[in-house]
Amino acid sequence: MIEPPSPSPNERLPEDSGDAMIGLALRILAAYLAVTAVPVIRWSHATGSWWPLVAHLAALCLAVACAVDTRSTTRAFRDWTPLLLGPFLYLELRWVVAGTGRPHLDHLVRGWEAQLFASDPSRTLALGWHSLALSELLHLCYVSYYALVYVPPALLWLTRRRAAFASTVLALVVVYALCFATYALFPVDGPRFLNGPSLAPPGPVRAFVVRLLESGSSRGTAFPSSHVAASLVAAL
């Protein structure tokens, strides 16, 4: 029986390709955390609260450690580290954005919207389409965003499509890094912070979403929409 030839050192196997993409995602994440450490330091110095900086530096150390560690024994943890850090990276934007000291530019974005719409959709659509069923459906679609971030990678991981999993994680890291960097330099609060929740009909799904946003939203992260960016990655 003739055995197949062994791959040459220059040939990249699918497993190696997955390692390379996860490694790139972790390096992008580490670079982002290294740069945003500066505004977090400024925020901590101004407020006297240092635990956000400690958490930020811990996340940076974790990203660096996983980027340089390619042992198969830690591969699962390494693969999932970018997605596991995602919620923290969003929550800490409240310190990153505040630490940059940049002015919030809602007036500029609202000027763009005024050129496209005859009214403010964030305040008029809920009144014009005052339907409980429609409101609950749209709020359910909104909250499904969190599943869109994690379910497709989880399905790829569980079906052992590691290269596809790694490319999805890399795409998510790229779009989130671009969005989050924009928030630091171009903060926009969005209509919920400026006008409060829309006057949509009350329902259990809407109530859950409102409580979620009140407890977990970071100010200055409305534009560009990371919801749209991550949803596009999930669709692709």
Protein backbone atom coordinates (compact mmCIF):
# COMPACT_ATOMS: atom_id res chain seq x y z
CA MET A 1 0.00 0.00 0.00
CA ILE A 2 1.34 3.40 -0.97
CA GLU A 3 1.00 5.91 1.86
CA PRO A 4 0.10 9.51 1.00
CA PRO A 5 3.06 11.86 1.16
CA SER A 6 3.48 13.93 4.30
CA PRO A 7 2.72 17.62 3.88
CA SER A 8 5.74 19.83 3.43
CA PRO A 9 6.53 22.41 6.11
CA ASN A 10 5.35 25.18 3.78
CA GLU A 11 1.90 23.64 3.30
CA ARG A 12 -0.73 25.07 5.63
CA LEU A 13 -3.30 22.62 6.93
CA PRO A 14 -6.88 23.74 7.78
CA GLU A 15 -6.07 23.45 11.48
CA ASP A 16 -3.06 25.69 11.01
CA SER A 17 -5.20 28.17 9.08
CA GLY A 18 -7.64 28.33 12.01
CA ASP A 19 -4.77 28.92 14.43
CA ALA A 20 -3.45 31.73 12.24
CA MET A 21 -6.83 33.51 12.03
CA ILE A 22 -7.47 33.20 15.76
CA GLY A 23 -3.94 34.46 16.40
CA LEU A 24 -4.58 37.48 14.16
CA ALA A 25 -7.88 38.18 15.91
CA LEU A 26 -6.13 38.09 19.28
CA ARG A 27 -3.35 40.40 18.09
CA ILE A 28 -5.93 42.90 16.82
CA LEU A 29 -7.71 42.64 20.16
CA ALA A 30 -4.46 43.14 22.08
CA ALA A 31 -3.55 46.18 19.96
CA TYR A 32 -6.98 47.70 20.56
CA LEU A 33 -6.69 47.14 24.31
CA ALA A 34 -3.17 48.58 24.39
CA VAL A 35 -4.29 51.78 22.64
CA THR A 36 -7.48 52.24 24.66
CA ALA A 37 -5.56 51.79 27.92
CA VAL A 38 -4.65 55.48 27.60
CA PRO A 39 -8.21 56.86 27.91
CA VAL A 40 -9.00 54.34 30.65
CA ILE A 41 -5.97 55.60 32.59
CA ARG A 42 -7.18 59.17 32.10
CA TRP A 43 -10.67 58.25 33.31
CA SER A 44 -9.35 56.44 36.37
CA HIS A 45 -7.04 59.34 37.24
CA ALA A 46 -9.88 61.86 36.91
CA THR A 47 -12.39 59.85 38.95
CA GLY A 48 -10.10 58.11 41.42
CA SER A 49 -11.66 54.75 40.53
CA TRP A 50 -8.93 52.34 39.48
CA TRP A 51 -10.73 49.01 39.22
CA PRO A 52 -11.75 49.61 35.55
CA LEU A 53 -8.08 50.05 34.69
CA VAL A 54 -7.19 46.84 36.54
CA ALA A 55 -9.90 44.98 34.60
CA HIS A 56 -8.73 46.53 31.33
CA LEU A 57 -5.10 45.52 31.91
CA ALA A 58 -6.21 42.01 32.89
CA ALA A 59 -8.07 41.72 29.57
CA LEU A 60 -4.98 42.98 27.74
CA CYS A 61 -2.75 40.41 29.47
CA LEU A 62 -5.22 37.65 28.63
CA ALA A 63 -5.33 38.63 24.95
CA VAL A 64 -1.53 38.75 24.73
CA ALA A 65 -1.11 35.44 26.57
CA CYS A 66 -3.58 33.68 24.29
CA ALA A 67 -2.01 35.23 21.18
CA VAL A 68 1.40 33.74 21.96
CA ASP A 69 0.15 30.40 23.35
CA THR A 70 -0.77 27.96 20.57
CA ARG A 71 -0.72 24.72 22.57
CA SER A 72 -3.49 22.33 21.64
CA THR A 73 -4.35 21.86 25.32
CA THR A 74 -5.54 25.48 25.51
CA ARG A 75 -6.90 25.72 21.97
CA ALA A 76 -10.59 25.81 22.94
CA PHE A 77 -10.09 28.58 25.48
CA ARG A 78 -7.86 30.48 23.05
CA ASP A 79 -10.42 30.18 20.26
CA TRP A 80 -13.24 31.56 22.40
CA THR A 81 -11.33 34.30 24.22
CA PRO A 82 -12.20 37.09 21.71
CA LEU A 83 -15.92 36.36 22.01
CA LEU A 84 -15.78 35.90 25.78
CA LEU A 85 -14.16 39.33 26.13
CA GLY A 86 -16.80 40.94 23.91
CA PRO A 87 -19.31 41.94 26.62
CA PHE A 88 -16.57 43.48 28.77
CA LEU A 89 -15.16 45.42 25.82
CA TYR A 90 -18.59 46.93 25.20
CA LEU A 91 -19.28 47.76 28.86
CA GLU A 92 -15.91 49.44 29.32
CA LEU A 93 -16.63 51.82 26.45
CA ARG A 94 -18.32 54.06 29.03
CA TRP A 95 -14.81 54.64 30.46
CA VAL A 96 -12.99 54.67 27.13
CA VAL A 97 -15.33 57.23 25.57
CA ALA A 98 -15.33 59.43 28.66
CA GLY A 99 -11.55 59.15 28.93
CA THR A 100 -10.97 60.50 25.42
CA GLY A 101 -12.71 63.75 26.32
CA ARG A 102 -14.14 64.06 22.83
CA PRO A 103 -17.37 66.07 22.34
CA HIS A 104 -20.46 64.01 21.58
CA LEU A 105 -21.65 64.66 18.05
CA ASP A 106 -25.36 63.89 18.08
CA HIS A 107 -26.12 67.28 16.56
CA LEU A 108 -24.09 66.35 13.49
CA VAL A 109 -25.72 62.95 12.99
CA ARG A 110 -29.19 64.38 13.63
CA GLY A 111 -28.45 66.91 10.89
CA TRP A 112 -27.73 64.04 8.50
CA GLU A 113 -30.99 62.36 9.51
CA ALA A 114 -32.95 65.59 8.96
CA GLN A 115 -31.80 65.56 5.35
CA LEU A 116 -33.13 62.01 4.87
CA PHE A 117 -36.34 61.94 6.91
CA ALA A 118 -39.24 64.35 7.24
CA SER A 119 -39.38 63.70 10.99
CA ASP A 120 -37.43 61.99 13.76
CA PRO A 121 -38.16 58.25 13.27
CA SER A 122 -37.06 57.41 16.81
CA ARG A 123 -39.98 59.48 18.14
CA THR A 124 -42.61 59.34 15.39
CA LEU A 125 -42.70 55.72 14.18
CA ALA A 126 -43.79 54.26 17.51
CA LEU A 127 -46.72 56.70 17.56
CA GLY A 128 -47.60 56.30 13.89
CA TRP A 129 -47.49 52.47 14.08
CA HIS A 130 -48.85 52.07 17.61
CA SER A 131 -49.20 48.28 17.55
CA LEU A 132 -48.39 46.03 20.50
CA ALA A 133 -47.75 43.03 18.25
CA LEU A 134 -45.40 45.00 16.00
CA SER A 135 -43.62 46.53 18.99
CA GLU A 136 -43.03 43.16 20.63
CA LEU A 137 -41.82 41.65 17.35
CA LEU A 138 -39.36 44.48 16.70
CA HIS A 139 -38.04 44.41 20.26
CA LEU A 140 -37.62 40.62 19.96
CA CYS A 141 -35.66 41.17 16.74
CA TYR A 142 -33.51 43.69 18.57
CA VAL A 143 -32.64 41.38 21.45
CA SER A 144 -31.93 38.51 19.02
CA TYR A 145 -28.74 40.40 18.18
CA TYR A 146 -26.99 38.72 21.12
CA ALA A 147 -27.79 35.29 19.71
CA LEU A 148 -26.54 36.38 16.28
CA VAL A 149 -23.12 37.07 17.77
CA TYR A 150 -22.68 33.73 19.53
CA VAL A 151 -24.91 31.10 17.89
CA PRO A 152 -23.27 30.95 14.42
CA PRO A 153 -19.74 30.55 15.85
CA ALA A 154 -21.03 27.99 18.36
CA LEU A 155 -22.65 25.93 15.59
CA LEU A 156 -19.45 26.04 13.54
CA TRP A 157 -17.41 25.01 16.57
CA LEU A 158 -19.71 22.14 17.51
CA THR A 159 -19.69 20.80 13.94
CA ARG A 160 -15.86 20.93 13.94
CA ARG A 161 -15.69 23.50 11.13
CA ARG A 162 -12.82 25.24 12.87
CA ALA A 163 -11.52 27.23 9.89
CA ALA A 164 -15.00 28.68 9.32
CA PHE A 165 -15.31 29.34 13.05
CA ALA A 166 -11.96 31.14 13.10
CA SER A 167 -12.79 33.29 10.07
CA THR A 168 -16.10 34.27 11.70
CA VAL A 169 -14.36 35.23 14.94
CA LEU A 170 -11.77 37.23 13.00
CA ALA A 171 -14.50 39.07 11.07
CA LEU A 172 -16.33 39.90 14.31
CA VAL A 173 -13.15 41.18 15.94
CA VAL A 174 -12.39 43.40 12.93
CA VAL A 175 -15.85 45.00 12.76
CA TYR A 176 -16.08 45.46 16.52
CA ALA A 177 -12.59 46.99 16.70
CA LEU A 178 -13.52 49.44 13.94
CA CYS A 179 -16.83 50.32 15.58
CA PHE A 180 -15.38 50.67 19.07
CA ALA A 181 -12.47 52.80 17.86
CA THR A 182 -14.96 55.07 16.08
CA TYR A 183 -16.97 55.45 19.29
CA ALA A 184 -13.87 56.67 21.11
CA LEU A 185 -13.11 59.29 18.44
CA PHE A 186 -16.65 60.10 17.25
CA PRO A 187 -19.02 59.49 20.19
CA VAL A 188 -22.75 59.67 19.49
CA ASP A 189 -25.24 59.05 22.30
CA GLY A 190 -28.30 58.18 20.23
CA PRO A 191 -31.98 59.07 20.69
CA ARG A 192 -32.55 56.82 23.70
CA PHE A 193 -30.13 58.87 25.79
CA LEU A 194 -31.36 62.17 24.38
CA ASN A 195 -35.14 61.57 24.34
CA GLY A 196 -35.65 58.51 26.55
CA PRO A 197 -37.37 55.29 25.43
CA SER A 198 -39.83 55.60 22.56
CA LEU A 199 -43.55 55.68 23.31
CA ALA A 200 -44.12 52.15 22.03
CA PRO A 201 -46.95 50.07 23.54
CA PRO A 202 -45.82 48.36 26.77
CA GLY A 203 -45.24 44.62 26.62
CA PRO A 204 -43.06 42.00 28.34
CA VAL A 205 -40.42 41.87 25.58
CA ARG A 206 -40.18 45.66 25.40
CA ALA A 207 -39.93 45.88 29.19
CA PHE A 208 -37.07 43.36 29.18
CA VAL A 209 -35.20 45.24 26.45
CA VAL A 210 -35.65 48.59 28.21
CA ARG A 211 -34.31 47.15 31.49
CA LEU A 212 -31.39 45.57 29.63
CA LEU A 213 -30.47 48.84 27.97
CA GLU A 214 -30.85 50.85 31.16
CA SER A 215 -28.47 48.56 33.03
CA GLY A 216 -25.92 47.77 30.34
CA SER A 217 -25.75 50.52 27.72
CA SER A 218 -22.57 52.53 27.24
CA ARG A 219 -23.09 56.14 26.28
CA GLY A 220 -21.54 57.34 23.04
CA THR A 221 -21.85 54.05 21.14
CA ALA A 222 -24.79 54.71 18.82
CA PHE A 223 -22.98 55.36 15.52
CA PRO A 224 -21.98 53.37 13.55
CA SER A 225 -24.28 50.54 14.58
CA SER A 226 -22.33 47.53 15.81
CA HIS A 227 -25.68 45.70 15.72
CA VAL A 228 -25.79 46.07 11.95
CA ALA A 229 -22.10 45.22 11.58
CA ALA A 230 -22.28 42.01 13.63
CA SER A 231 -25.58 41.00 12.02
CA LEU A 232 -23.97 41.36 8.60
CA VAL A 233 -21.11 39.08 9.68
CA ALA A 234 -23.64 36.51 10.93
CA ALA A 235 -25.56 36.69 7.65
CA LEU A 236 -22.41 36.24 5.56
